[in-house]
């Protein structure tokens, strides 16, 4: 029998009428219940909004707590303009990488590390000026620089007078005080001028390419050092136009981690970072960097370090010449 015929049947219709009469009272009970639930729903909506705001506030509080961690500053002075700008750019990306990594791992004993990078343009006068600027900031407890012998010599007196520790990348003179430590031995004439600048191939290339320069370091090229492979990969993953991980980058990265190590020992011993604490901690360093051990002798030279000399050309790629 079809549906239409089933409904039109007098017998079937008579059975639907009692069912309908039972549903009507149920509907009349449900309507008041629904009307009571509507105010409840209107109350739940503000509660849900409050919970959402509370969770947002907690997230904001967590971020504020992270950002209000005590700060310690490390300086970097290098040439970012002029003939030697390639040095500065290769160095600063390595310093930023090291600081990003240490802060992502929680900082140094609860302190967040900030980098203060200043440009000396390869100028002795500018180097001394930038050293004075760093000395005026009491949160700066140590500095890496300067990347040329003349600029280091010009600024060294300021660091000594202000008891601001310096890791000197290149210098043409011995350390003047306990706070200045030399990553590379003093670059005297016998090391650079006599042995290299008498080489006609090198002097010709320096003359014909005004952007060329020599750079001495106590680290090999990271491409030649298996221990530096992870660093080089991370550095080269940074979208930098024309700059790749070279000896300047590795020297800077090792120097930053040497400062982190000294900073941790300074804080653990004294309860907080200080220039005097850093000076003492750096002098007592026995740190394993990617390029080898970092220890300093009584003259504050890096112990047992081999000196590598590179020529940088306009392509900003280092060529080992000694």
Foldseek 3Di string as FASTA:
>chain_A
DDPVVQCPPPVNVVVVVVVVVVVVVVVVVVVVVVVVVVVVVVVVVVVVVVVVVVVVVVVVVVVVVLVPFAEAEEEEEEACDDLRNLLVVLQVLLLVVLLVVQVVVCHFPRYRYDYDYDHQNPDLVSLLVVLVVLLVDQRHQEYEDDQEASNCVSNLVSCQVSLRAYAYFAHQDFRPDLRYAYQAPHCHCVNDVPPPCVPVVVVVQCVVFVSKDKGKGLAAFLVVAPLCPVVQVVSQVPPDPLHGRTRSSQRSNQVSVLQSVQQNVLCVVPVHDGNVSSSVSSQCAFDQGSRGTAHADPSNYGPPGDMWMWMAGPSSDTDTPD
